[in-house]
């Protein structure tokens, strides 16, 4: 069985150091927290329940590196999140949710 891209979530613009998004993945609502460290210029992700309980916090994002495959928390969606760069019309980072 092949993986299927379900949706993409845009990263906040580079000039924003912090952003929260409420998203639904696999019929469950989550809060995604993006934090950009201006010193090292990396973006970090936190995943929270809709009730703001932390599930995973402080994950540094790397292009094309799946994030969730190594974690076994039952509150996480069954698919994976993968940071990718879309190049239309200019390079833009997105977080792709891929169902297994």
C-alpha atoms as a PDB file:
ATOM      1  CA  UNK A   1       0.000   0.000   0.000  1.00  0.00           C
ATOM      2  CA  UNK A   2       1.332   3.464  -0.920  1.00  0.00           C
ATOM      3  CA  UNK A   3       1.328   6.579   1.238  1.00  0.00           C
ATOM      4  CA  UNK A   4      -1.154   9.272   0.257  1.00  0.00           C
ATOM      5  CA  UNK A   5      -0.728  13.032   0.682  1.00  0.00           C
ATOM      6  CA  UNK A   6      -3.802  14.280   2.493  1.00  0.00           C
ATOM      7  CA  UNK A   7      -3.110  17.976   3.066  1.00  0.00           C
ATOM      8  CA  UNK A   8      -0.440  20.622   3.404  1.00  0.00           C
ATOM      9  CA  UNK A   9      -0.087  23.192   6.170  1.00  0.00           C
ATOM     10  CA  UNK A  10       1.857  26.368   5.326  1.00  0.00           C
ATOM     11  CA  UNK A  11       4.709  27.473   7.541  1.00  0.00           C
ATOM     12  CA  UNK A  12       4.321  30.983   8.920  1.00  0.00           C
ATOM     13  CA  UNK A  13       6.208  33.682   6.985  1.00  0.00           C
ATOM     14  CA  UNK A  14       9.936  33.876   7.870  1.00  0.00           C
ATOM     15  CA  UNK A  15       9.481  37.212   9.641  1.00  0.00           C
ATOM     16  CA  UNK A  16       7.052  35.668  12.168  1.00  0.00           C
ATOM     17  CA  UNK A  17       8.803  34.053  15.115  1.00  0.00           C
ATOM     18  CA  UNK A  18       5.707  32.258  16.421  1.00  0.00           C
ATOM     19  CA  UNK A  19       2.427  30.950  15.005  1.00  0.00           C
ATOM     20  CA  UNK A  20      -0.339  28.593  16.123  1.00  0.00           C
ATOM     21  CA  UNK A  21      -2.575  26.651  13.732  1.00  0.00           C
ATOM     22  CA  UNK A  22      -5.575  24.509  14.564  1.00  0.00           C
ATOM     23  CA  UNK A  23      -5.734  21.586  12.137  1.00  0.00           C
ATOM     24  CA  UNK A  24      -7.688  18.378  11.746  1.00  0.00           C
ATOM     25  CA  UNK A  25      -5.641  15.294  10.912  1.00  0.00           C
ATOM     26  CA  UNK A  26      -7.297  11.897  10.580  1.00  0.00           C
ATOM     27  CA  UNK A  27     -10.542  13.204  12.164  1.00  0.00           C
ATOM     28  CA  UNK A  28      -8.760  14.614  15.244  1.00  0.00           C
ATOM     29  CA  UNK A  29      -8.144  18.279  16.020  1.00  0.00           C
ATOM     30  CA  UNK A  30      -4.617  19.393  16.938  1.00  0.00           C
ATOM     31  CA  UNK A  31      -2.802  22.629  17.602  1.00  0.00           C
ATOM     32  CA  UNK A  32       0.475  23.009  15.723  1.00  0.00           C
ATOM     33  CA  UNK A  33       2.923  25.533  17.114  1.00  0.00           C
ATOM     34  CA  UNK A  34       5.647  26.848  14.839  1.00  0.00           C
ATOM     35  CA  UNK A  35       8.581  28.664  16.457  1.00  0.00           C
ATOM     36  CA  UNK A  36      11.368  30.173  14.408  1.00  0.00           C
ATOM     37  CA  UNK A  37      14.715  30.638  16.101  1.00  0.00           C
ATOM     38  CA  UNK A  38      16.224  33.750  14.600  1.00  0.00           C
ATOM     39  CA  UNK A  39      19.726  32.838  15.796  1.00  0.00           C
ATOM     40  CA  UNK A  40      20.006  29.451  14.091  1.00  0.00           C
ATOM     41  CA  UNK A  41      17.251  30.208  11.514  1.00  0.00           C
ATOM     42  CA  UNK A  42      15.535  26.861  12.042  1.00  0.00           C
ATOM     43  CA  UNK A  43      11.856  26.289  12.624  1.00  0.00           C
ATOM     44  CA  UNK A  44      10.675  24.103  15.490  1.00  0.00           C
ATOM     45  CA  UNK A  45       7.306  22.371  15.786  1.00  0.00           C
ATOM     46  CA  UNK A  46       5.136  21.580  18.770  1.00  0.00           C
ATOM     47  CA  UNK A  47       2.049  19.366  18.556  1.00  0.00           C
ATOM     48  CA  UNK A  48      -0.684  19.768  21.152  1.00  0.00           C
ATOM     49  CA  UNK A  49      -4.128  18.341  21.757  1.00  0.00           C
ATOM     50  CA  UNK A  50      -7.029  20.685  21.136  1.00  0.00           C
ATOM     51  CA  UNK A  51      -7.021  21.192  24.938  1.00  0.00           C
ATOM     52  CA  UNK A  52      -3.425  22.508  24.707  1.00  0.00           C
ATOM     53  CA  UNK A  53      -1.853  19.418  26.274  1.00  0.00           C
ATOM     54  CA  UNK A  54       1.637  18.891  24.780  1.00  0.00           C
ATOM     55  CA  UNK A  55       2.211  15.754  22.727  1.00  0.00           C
ATOM     56  CA  UNK A  56       5.559  16.590  21.083  1.00  0.00           C
ATOM     57  CA  UNK A  57       7.416  19.851  21.617  1.00  0.00           C
ATOM     58  CA  UNK A  58      10.572  21.409  20.171  1.00  0.00           C
ATOM     59  CA  UNK A  59      11.075  19.224  17.084  1.00  0.00           C
ATOM     60  CA  UNK A  60      13.530  20.864  14.693  1.00  0.00           C
ATOM     61  CA  UNK A  61      12.257  20.658  11.124  1.00  0.00           C
ATOM     62  CA  UNK A  62      14.418  19.461   8.240  1.00  0.00           C
ATOM     63  CA  UNK A  63      13.337  19.331   4.615  1.00  0.00           C
ATOM     64  CA  UNK A  64      11.908  15.937   3.543  1.00  0.00           C
ATOM     65  CA  UNK A  65      12.526  14.345   6.953  1.00  0.00           C
ATOM     66  CA  UNK A  66       9.403  12.603   8.340  1.00  0.00           C
ATOM     67  CA  UNK A  67       8.657  13.608  11.921  1.00  0.00           C
ATOM     68  CA  UNK A  68       6.256  11.154  13.520  1.00  0.00           C
ATOM     69  CA  UNK A  69       7.411   7.686  12.460  1.00  0.00           C
ATOM     70  CA  UNK A  70       9.635   7.243  15.517  1.00  0.00           C
ATOM     71  CA  UNK A  71       7.030   8.229  18.126  1.00  0.00           C
ATOM     72  CA  UNK A  72       4.394   5.872  19.528  1.00  0.00           C
ATOM     73  CA  UNK A  73       2.090   8.267  21.367  1.00  0.00           C
ATOM     74  CA  UNK A  74      -1.490   7.082  20.690  1.00  0.00           C
ATOM     75  CA  UNK A  75      -2.668  10.710  20.543  1.00  0.00           C
ATOM     76  CA  UNK A  76      -0.671  11.282  17.341  1.00  0.00           C
ATOM     77  CA  UNK A  77      -2.318  10.802  13.947  1.00  0.00           C
ATOM     78  CA  UNK A  78      -1.540   7.489  12.207  1.00  0.00           C
ATOM     79  CA  UNK A  79       0.192   9.198   9.273  1.00  0.00           C
ATOM     80  CA  UNK A  80       3.304  11.355   9.231  1.00  0.00           C
ATOM     81  CA  UNK A  81       4.219  15.016   8.889  1.00  0.00           C
ATOM     82  CA  UNK A  82       6.955  15.900   6.404  1.00  0.00           C
ATOM     83  CA  UNK A  83       8.382  19.406   5.912  1.00  0.00           C
ATOM     84  CA  UNK A  84       8.726  20.094   2.173  1.00  0.00           C
ATOM     85  CA  UNK A  85       9.452  23.075  -0.045  1.00  0.00           C
ATOM     86  CA  UNK A  86       6.887  23.949  -2.699  1.00  0.00           C
ATOM     87  CA  UNK A  87       8.314  26.070  -5.486  1.00  0.00           C
ATOM     88  CA  UNK A  88       5.223  27.804  -6.837  1.00  0.00           C
ATOM     89  CA  UNK A  89       5.789  30.679  -7.620  1.00  0.00           C
ATOM     90  CA  UNK A  90       8.620  31.079  -5.105  1.00  0.00           C
ATOM     91  CA  UNK A  91       9.990  28.561  -2.599  1.00  0.00           C
ATOM     92  CA  UNK A  92       7.569  28.149   0.307  1.00  0.00           C
ATOM     93  CA  UNK A  93       7.864  25.706   3.206  1.00  0.00           C
ATOM     94  CA  UNK A  94       4.831  23.561   4.019  1.00  0.00           C
ATOM     95  CA  UNK A  95       4.188  20.699   6.389  1.00  0.00           C
ATOM     96  CA  UNK A  96       2.684  17.793   4.437  1.00  0.00           C
ATOM     97  CA  UNK A  97       0.468  15.273   6.209  1.00  0.00           C
ATOM     98  CA  UNK A  98       0.840  11.862   4.611  1.00  0.00           C
ATOM     99  CA  UNK A  99      -1.457   8.978   5.545  1.00  0.00           C
ATOM    100  CA  UNK A 100       0.055   5.519   5.586  1.00  0.00           C
END
